[in-house]
Amino acid sequence: MSDRDLRRSPLEEIHRALDAHIGPFAGWMMPIEYRGTLAEHQAVREAVGLFDLSHLGKVEVEGPGALDLLQRTMPNDLSRVPVGGAQYNMVLNDRGGIVDDLINYRVGDTRYLVVPNAANVGRVVEILRAAAGTDVVITERVDLALIAPQGPRSTELLAGLLPEAKRLSYMHVLESSYRGLPIVLSRSGYTGEVGFEIFVPAEGAVALWRELSDAGATMGLEPCGLASRDTLRLEMGYPLHGNDISEDRTPLEAGLSWAVALGKDVDFTGKEALVRQKVEGIPSRLWGLRTTQPSRIPRPHYPVLVDGERVGETTSGSFSPTLRGGIALGYLAPRARFGPGDAVEIDIRGRRAEAVVTRPPFVEANPRSGDAG
């Protein structure tokens, strides 16, 4: 795909004015970093960072049959989510493999905003439409941008502009307005910190970004790119589709069984395969790995060894700006051999680095801090 074929954020000119490094990502041209990944990462952990996430999918599912459709196509139990709630969920294939992981926002009694990963939007929409009845309307909201302030000062940042943010609890959502435009405001994010996601019509995105930037000028606000979003989510052990989860891995293997409701009263795609795997046992399990030598930094697809025997492979890996050392996620098999604290080795370009098996998160963060009520 050439650069001319890539989709563009309505904020691209702002990113260029900020001298961001912009590059292709999942069919979009998006900011990768501005002042530097370490500075942006630190701003989110200590103050506030501002992300353009307009590349993420935004799919409205509306109608009397909306809940039934989502229940049949996803494994988590969305019936437990009230209006104004949000839930982590997945779309699975018949083998139980993860087609995508996503967030469902229940913005009305029979209206949901489904937010898949950018690379999988088409596939998710196709699956939903194939399973939908005539009582559901599915609309890809290409008219929306997504701006995400993240960090311990993000509530303070929004206080003057969107004061209703203060009453939102973690994984809750409300509809509001900005400059006369309808917006959806959610207390959510993928950084492990207090944060918000603002779905705003594209024509209002530039003004909103500028107002937030101006308001955060004295708070240590940094514009943040996708590189820091990756190191932030990795420190929390959040899986990245295409790296840590895929159609070849089930939620049970990925440590996401907490998002699978095998007992809900609706059969969902992939349930039979998951029930079978639960009985037979999983072939491998996603774990965190932390190198004991800070200078040894693992990357994806490095072999993991015990006593010289290959027992797995890293799927994500990076330098942790918070821990000042190497961290990774990787599948280890069989699961019964491993637990937190176990010693392994990671083959880093032909040299073995000692590492410790860890149950993520690698660092303590608190997205629920300051919850309303």
Protein backbone atom coordinates (compact mmCIF):
# COMPACT_ATOMS: atom_id res chain seq x y z
CA MET A 1 0.00 0.00 0.00
CA SER A 2 1.45 3.36 -1.01
CA ASP A 3 1.28 6.42 1.23
CA ARG A 4 -1.38 7.86 -1.07
CA ASP A 5 -3.69 4.93 -0.26
CA LEU A 6 -3.40 5.33 3.51
CA ARG A 7 -6.24 6.84 5.52
CA ARG A 8 -5.53 10.16 7.23
CA SER A 9 -6.39 11.54 10.63
CA PRO A 10 -8.13 14.93 10.66
CA LEU A 11 -5.31 15.96 13.02
CA GLU A 12 -2.46 15.20 10.61
CA GLU A 13 -1.55 18.85 9.96
CA ILE A 14 -1.28 19.46 13.71
CA HIS A 15 1.02 16.47 14.06
CA ARG A 16 3.22 17.76 11.25
CA ALA A 17 3.33 21.22 12.82
CA LEU A 18 4.53 19.56 16.03
CA ASP A 19 7.30 17.88 14.00
CA ALA A 20 5.99 14.40 14.78
CA HIS A 21 7.50 11.37 13.14
CA ILE A 22 4.56 10.13 11.07
CA GLY A 23 4.42 6.72 9.46
CA PRO A 24 2.07 4.01 8.18
CA PHE A 25 0.19 1.95 10.75
CA ALA A 26 -2.65 -0.51 10.06
CA GLY A 27 -3.69 1.25 6.87
CA TRP A 28 -3.39 4.76 8.32
CA MET A 29 -0.74 7.47 8.40
CA MET A 30 -0.33 8.14 12.13
CA PRO A 31 2.10 9.86 14.54
CA ILE A 32 4.67 7.40 15.90
CA GLU A 33 6.43 9.83 18.24
CA TYR A 34 6.94 13.55 18.85
CA ARG A 35 9.63 14.57 21.35
CA GLY A 36 10.61 10.99 22.00
CA THR A 37 9.07 7.77 23.30
CA LEU A 38 10.69 7.99 26.75
CA ALA A 39 9.50 11.56 27.39
CA GLU A 40 5.99 10.73 26.18
CA HIS A 41 5.82 7.55 28.25
CA GLN A 42 6.94 9.42 31.36
CA ALA A 43 4.36 12.18 30.80
CA VAL A 44 1.54 9.62 30.83
CA ARG A 45 2.84 7.90 33.97
CA GLU A 46 3.44 11.16 35.86
CA ALA A 47 1.24 13.88 34.34
CA VAL A 48 -0.80 13.65 31.14
CA GLY A 49 -0.31 12.65 27.53
CA LEU A 50 -2.53 13.39 24.54
CA PHE A 51 -3.05 10.68 21.91
CA ASP A 52 -4.66 10.74 18.49
CA LEU A 53 -6.30 7.31 18.16
CA SER A 54 -8.48 8.13 15.17
CA HIS A 55 -7.23 5.00 13.41
CA LEU A 56 -9.21 2.76 15.78
CA GLY A 57 -12.49 1.41 14.45
CA LYS A 58 -15.76 3.01 15.48
CA VAL A 59 -18.79 0.82 14.70
CA GLU A 60 -22.29 1.66 15.86
CA VAL A 61 -24.59 -1.31 16.51
CA GLU A 62 -28.17 -0.21 17.08
CA GLY A 63 -31.61 -1.78 17.29
CA PRO A 64 -33.76 -4.16 19.35
CA GLY A 65 -31.50 -7.08 18.40
CA ALA A 66 -28.19 -5.35 19.16
CA LEU A 67 -27.52 -7.06 22.48
CA ASP A 68 -28.43 -10.50 21.14
CA LEU A 69 -26.11 -9.99 18.16
CA LEU A 70 -23.15 -8.99 20.32
CA GLN A 71 -23.83 -11.83 22.76
CA ARG A 72 -23.77 -14.38 19.91
CA THR A 73 -20.61 -13.05 18.28
CA MET A 74 -18.54 -12.27 21.41
CA PRO A 75 -17.62 -14.38 24.49
CA ASN A 76 -17.98 -11.88 27.34
CA ASP A 77 -21.40 -11.31 28.91
CA LEU A 78 -22.58 -7.91 27.73
CA SER A 79 -25.94 -8.35 29.44
CA ARG A 80 -24.23 -7.35 32.69
CA VAL A 81 -23.26 -3.93 31.28
CA PRO A 82 -25.75 -1.14 32.02
CA VAL A 83 -26.37 1.88 29.85
CA GLY A 84 -23.32 4.07 30.39
CA GLY A 85 -21.03 1.07 30.90
CA ALA A 86 -18.15 -0.34 28.84
CA GLN A 87 -16.67 -3.81 28.55
CA TYR A 88 -13.56 -5.48 27.14
CA ASN A 89 -14.57 -8.21 24.70
CA MET A 90 -13.41 -10.23 21.71
CA VAL A 91 -14.59 -11.65 18.43
CA LEU A 92 -13.63 -15.31 17.99
CA ASN A 93 -13.55 -17.75 15.10
CA ASP A 94 -15.04 -21.25 15.19
CA ARG A 95 -11.77 -22.62 16.60
CA GLY A 96 -11.86 -20.16 19.49
CA GLY A 97 -9.07 -18.08 17.98
CA ILE A 98 -9.12 -14.33 18.58
CA VAL A 99 -10.17 -12.45 15.45
CA ASP A 100 -9.91 -9.21 17.41
CA ASP A 101 -10.12 -7.78 20.90
CA LEU A 102 -12.16 -4.62 21.38
CA ILE A 103 -14.22 -2.44 23.70
CA ASN A 104 -18.02 -2.29 23.67
CA TYR A 105 -19.54 0.96 24.95
CA ARG A 106 -23.25 0.82 25.78
CA VAL A 107 -24.28 4.37 24.94
CA GLY A 108 -28.05 3.71 24.87
CA ASP A 109 -30.57 1.05 25.79
CA THR A 110 -30.26 -0.60 22.36
CA ARG A 111 -27.22 1.25 21.01
CA TYR A 112 -23.58 0.23 21.30
CA LEU A 113 -20.32 1.72 20.07
CA VAL A 114 -17.91 -1.10 19.21
CA VAL A 115 -14.24 -0.11 18.92
CA PRO A 116 -12.04 -2.72 17.20
CA ASN A 117 -8.36 -2.47 16.29
CA ALA A 118 -7.66 -0.57 13.09
CA ALA A 119 -6.37 -3.57 11.14
CA ASN A 120 -9.45 -5.67 11.93
CA VAL A 121 -12.33 -3.22 11.47
CA GLY A 122 -13.40 -4.69 8.13
CA ARG A 123 -13.37 -8.24 9.44
CA VAL A 124 -15.34 -7.34 12.58
CA VAL A 125 -17.96 -5.44 10.57
CA GLU A 126 -18.24 -8.37 8.15
CA ILE A 127 -18.81 -10.84 11.00
CA LEU A 128 -21.39 -8.63 12.69
CA ARG A 129 -23.32 -8.00 9.50
CA ALA A 130 -23.32 -11.68 8.56
CA ALA A 131 -24.83 -12.59 11.94
CA ALA A 132 -27.24 -9.64 12.22
CA GLY A 133 -30.99 -9.84 11.72
CA THR A 134 -33.25 -7.18 10.31
CA ASP A 135 -33.65 -5.66 13.77
CA VAL A 136 -30.06 -4.37 13.91
CA VAL A 137 -28.36 -1.55 11.99
CA ILE A 138 -24.56 -1.62 11.80
CA THR A 139 -22.80 1.60 10.81
CA GLU A 140 -19.07 2.25 10.57
CA ARG A 141 -18.67 5.76 11.95
CA VAL A 142 -15.94 7.05 9.64
CA ASP A 143 -17.00 10.59 10.58
CA LEU A 144 -15.53 10.32 14.08
CA ALA A 145 -12.06 11.13 15.34
CA LEU A 146 -10.75 9.79 18.66
CA ILE A 147 -8.65 11.87 21.06
CA ALA A 148 -7.38 10.29 24.27
CA PRO A 149 -5.93 12.22 27.23
CA GLN A 150 -4.18 9.71 29.50
CA GLY A 151 -2.42 10.13 32.81
CA PRO A 152 -2.98 11.06 36.47
CA ARG A 153 -3.76 14.68 35.58
CA SER A 154 -6.20 13.89 32.77
CA THR A 155 -9.29 14.55 34.93
CA GLU A 156 -7.84 17.93 35.88
CA LEU A 157 -7.13 18.60 32.21
CA LEU A 158 -10.78 18.07 31.28
CA ALA A 159 -12.20 19.94 34.28
CA GLY A 160 -12.79 23.23 32.50
CA LEU A 161 -13.63 21.92 29.05
CA LEU A 162 -15.73 18.83 29.85
CA PRO A 163 -16.50 19.01 33.60
CA GLU A 164 -18.82 16.00 33.35
CA ALA A 165 -15.66 13.88 33.04
CA LYS A 166 -15.17 14.17 36.79
CA ARG A 167 -18.25 12.08 37.55
CA LEU A 168 -17.26 9.22 35.25
CA SER A 169 -15.99 6.03 36.85
CA TYR A 170 -13.55 3.66 35.16
CA MET A 171 -15.04 1.86 32.14
CA HIS A 172 -18.06 4.13 32.01
CA VAL A 173 -19.26 6.37 29.21
CA LEU A 174 -21.64 9.24 28.58
CA GLU A 175 -22.89 11.33 25.69
CA SER A 176 -22.17 15.04 25.77
CA SER A 177 -21.38 17.90 23.41
CA TYR A 178 -18.39 20.02 22.40
CA ARG A 179 -18.93 23.29 20.56
CA GLY A 180 -22.42 22.14 19.65
CA LEU A 181 -21.16 18.80 18.29
CA PRO A 182 -22.30 15.49 19.82
CA ILE A 183 -19.48 13.56 21.47
CA VAL A 184 -19.05 10.32 23.37
CA LEU A 185 -16.81 10.62 26.43
CA SER A 186 -15.42 7.48 28.03
CA ARG A 187 -13.25 6.86 31.08
CA SER A 188 -11.02 4.24 29.48
CA GLY A 189 -7.70 3.68 27.75
CA TYR A 190 -4.89 1.19 27.18
CA THR A 191 -2.15 2.75 29.30
CA GLY A 192 -2.99 1.57 32.82
CA GLU A 193 -3.48 5.15 34.00
CA VAL A 194 -6.46 7.36 34.64
CA GLY A 195 -7.58 8.40 31.18
CA PHE A 196 -10.36 9.32 28.81
CA GLU A 197 -11.30 8.65 25.21
CA ILE A 198 -13.28 11.32 23.38
CA PHE A 199 -15.14 10.37 20.20
CA VAL A 200 -15.69 13.65 18.38
CA PRO A 201 -16.91 14.48 14.86
CA ALA A 202 -13.90 15.03 12.61
CA GLU A 203 -14.76 18.68 12.05
CA GLY A 204 -14.31 19.38 15.76
CA ALA A 205 -11.11 17.40 16.29
CA VAL A 206 -8.60 20.18 15.61
CA ALA A 207 -10.29 22.64 17.96
CA LEU A 208 -10.58 20.02 20.71
CA TRP A 209 -6.92 18.99 20.39
CA ARG A 210 -5.79 22.62 20.56
CA GLU A 211 -7.95 23.42 23.58
CA LEU A 212 -6.70 20.37 25.45
CA SER A 213 -3.09 21.19 24.53
CA ASP A 214 -3.49 24.77 25.75
CA ALA A 215 -5.14 23.65 28.99
CA GLY A 216 -2.35 21.16 29.64
CA ALA A 217 0.52 23.55 28.97
CA THR A 218 1.14 24.03 32.71
CA MET A 219 0.49 20.37 33.60
CA GLY A 220 3.40 18.78 31.78
CA LEU A 221 1.20 17.61 28.90
CA GLU A 222 2.98 15.90 26.02
CA PRO A 223 1.50 14.91 22.66
CA CYS A 224 2.07 11.14 22.46
CA GLY A 225 2.50 8.77 19.55
CA LEU A 226 1.87 5.09 19.00
CA ALA A 227 5.39 4.10 20.13
CA SER A 228 4.77 5.27 23.70
CA ARG A 229 1.30 3.74 23.64
CA ASP A 230 3.02 0.43 22.94
CA THR A 231 5.51 0.67 25.82
CA LEU A 232 2.73 1.80 28.17
CA ARG A 233 0.44 -1.11 27.32
CA LEU A 234 3.34 -3.58 27.50
CA GLU A 235 4.23 -2.48 31.04
CA MET A 236 0.64 -3.33 31.96
CA GLY A 237 0.76 -6.67 30.15
CA TYR A 238 -2.09 -5.68 27.84
CA PRO A 239 -2.02 -7.88 24.71
CA LEU A 240 -1.57 -6.42 21.24
CA HIS A 241 -3.50 -8.10 18.45
CA GLY A 242 -1.14 -9.31 15.75
CA ASN A 243 1.64 -9.80 18.30
CA ASP A 244 0.37 -11.40 21.50
CA ILE A 245 -3.06 -12.55 20.32
CA SER A 246 -4.29 -13.74 16.95
CA GLU A 247 -6.67 -16.17 15.28
CA ASP A 248 -4.20 -18.92 16.19
CA ARG A 249 -4.51 -18.25 19.93
CA THR A 250 -7.54 -18.65 22.17
CA PRO A 251 -8.46 -16.45 25.14
CA LEU A 252 -7.57 -19.34 27.47
CA GLU A 253 -4.03 -19.42 26.09
CA ALA A 254 -3.76 -15.62 26.21
CA GLY A 255 -4.75 -15.36 29.87
CA LEU A 256 -8.06 -13.72 28.93
CA SER A 257 -10.41 -16.32 30.40
CA TRP A 258 -11.79 -13.56 32.68
CA ALA A 259 -13.38 -12.09 29.53
CA VAL A 260 -15.07 -15.38 28.54
CA ALA A 261 -18.50 -16.17 29.99
CA LEU A 262 -18.93 -19.85 29.19
CA GLY A 263 -22.02 -19.94 31.41
CA LYS A 264 -24.01 -17.15 29.80
CA ASP A 265 -27.37 -18.17 28.40
CA VAL A 266 -26.41 -17.47 24.77
CA ASP A 267 -24.08 -19.68 22.75
CA PHE A 268 -21.34 -17.68 21.06
CA THR A 269 -18.98 -18.36 18.18
CA GLY A 270 -16.02 -20.42 19.38
CA LYS A 271 -17.65 -21.61 22.63
CA GLU A 272 -17.50 -25.30 21.76
CA ALA A 273 -13.78 -25.08 20.99
CA LEU A 274 -13.09 -23.28 24.27
CA VAL A 275 -15.04 -25.81 26.31
CA ARG A 276 -13.07 -28.60 24.64
CA GLN A 277 -9.75 -26.84 25.23
CA LYS A 278 -10.60 -26.25 28.87
CA VAL A 279 -11.13 -29.99 29.34
CA GLU A 280 -8.12 -31.11 27.30
CA GLY A 281 -5.75 -28.42 28.55
CA ILE A 282 -4.12 -25.52 26.80
CA PRO A 283 -0.93 -26.11 24.78
CA SER A 284 0.75 -22.90 25.98
CA ARG A 285 0.06 -19.80 28.03
CA LEU A 286 0.98 -16.13 27.70
CA TRP A 287 3.30 -14.95 30.49
CA GLY A 288 5.31 -11.87 31.30
CA LEU A 289 9.10 -12.06 31.25
CA ARG A 290 11.56 -9.64 32.83
CA THR A 291 15.28 -9.79 32.16
CA THR A 292 17.55 -9.73 35.21
CA GLN A 293 20.20 -7.68 33.40
CA PRO A 294 18.67 -4.27 32.57
CA SER A 295 20.79 -3.88 29.44
CA ARG A 296 19.37 -7.02 27.82
CA ILE A 297 16.25 -5.98 25.91
CA PRO A 298 14.05 -8.68 24.35
CA ARG A 299 12.09 -8.13 21.16
CA PRO A 300 9.31 -10.18 19.51
CA HIS A 301 10.04 -13.69 18.21
CA TYR A 302 13.02 -14.44 20.45
CA PRO A 303 13.29 -18.07 21.67
CA VAL A 304 12.68 -18.76 25.37
CA LEU A 305 14.77 -21.58 26.85
CA VAL A 306 15.03 -23.73 29.97
CA ASP A 307 18.13 -25.90 30.35
CA GLY A 308 18.85 -25.30 26.69
CA GLU A 309 15.44 -26.58 25.60
CA ARG A 310 13.16 -24.22 23.70
CA VAL A 311 9.94 -23.82 25.68
CA GLY A 312 8.39 -20.80 23.98
CA GLU A 313 8.83 -17.53 22.15
CA THR A 314 8.41 -13.85 22.95
CA THR A 315 5.54 -12.07 21.22
CA SER A 316 6.21 -8.49 22.41
CA GLY A 317 9.33 -7.06 23.97
CA SER A 318 10.81 -3.68 24.76
CA PHE A 319 12.73 -1.48 27.15
CA SER A 320 10.51 -0.52 30.09
CA PRO A 321 10.97 3.22 30.76
CA THR A 322 9.53 2.78 34.26
CA LEU A 323 11.61 -0.24 35.30
CA ARG A 324 14.66 0.76 33.24
CA GLY A 325 15.07 -2.75 31.93
CA GLY A 326 13.80 -5.35 29.50
CA ILE A 327 10.30 -6.80 29.59
CA ALA A 328 8.39 -9.09 27.26
CA LEU A 329 5.29 -11.15 26.78
CA GLY A 330 5.60 -14.68 25.45
CA TYR A 331 3.92 -18.06 25.20
CA LEU A 332 5.43 -20.81 27.34
CA ALA A 333 4.49 -24.48 27.16
CA PRO A 334 3.36 -26.54 28.88
CA ARG A 335 1.68 -24.23 31.39
CA ALA A 336 2.14 -26.60 34.33
CA ARG A 337 5.90 -26.06 34.26
CA PHE A 338 5.78 -22.34 34.85
CA GLY A 339 4.69 -19.83 37.44
CA PRO A 340 5.73 -16.40 38.70
CA GLY A 341 9.37 -16.33 39.78
CA ASP A 342 10.52 -19.21 37.59
CA ALA A 343 13.83 -18.69 35.81
CA VAL A 344 14.16 -18.92 32.04
CA GLU A 345 16.55 -17.64 29.39
CA ILE A 346 15.79 -15.53 26.32
CA ASP A 347 17.96 -15.94 23.25
CA ILE A 348 18.69 -12.33 22.28
CA ARG A 349 20.43 -12.41 18.91
CA GLY A 350 22.48 -15.47 19.80
CA ARG A 351 23.27 -14.49 23.40
CA ARG A 352 21.29 -15.88 26.30
CA ALA A 353 19.80 -13.47 28.82
CA GLU A 354 18.45 -14.58 32.18
CA ALA A 355 14.80 -13.69 32.78
CA VAL A 356 12.09 -14.27 35.37
CA VAL A 357 8.55 -15.38 34.61
CA THR A 358 6.13 -12.67 35.78
CA ARG A 359 2.39 -12.29 36.03
CA PRO A 360 1.64 -8.85 34.54
CA PRO A 361 1.31 -6.00 35.15
CA PHE A 362 5.02 -5.30 35.35
CA VAL A 363 4.40 -1.94 37.05
CA GLU A 364 1.68 -0.74 39.37
CA ALA A 365 -0.71 1.71 37.78
CA ASN A 366 -4.24 2.62 38.70
CA PRO A 367 -6.81 3.49 36.02
CA ARG A 368 -9.49 3.53 38.75
CA SER A 369 -7.79 6.23 40.83
CA GLY A 370 -10.13 9.14 41.50
CA ASP A 371 -13.30 7.25 40.59
CA ALA A 372 -16.49 9.21 41.03
CA GLY A 373 -18.43 8.34 44.15
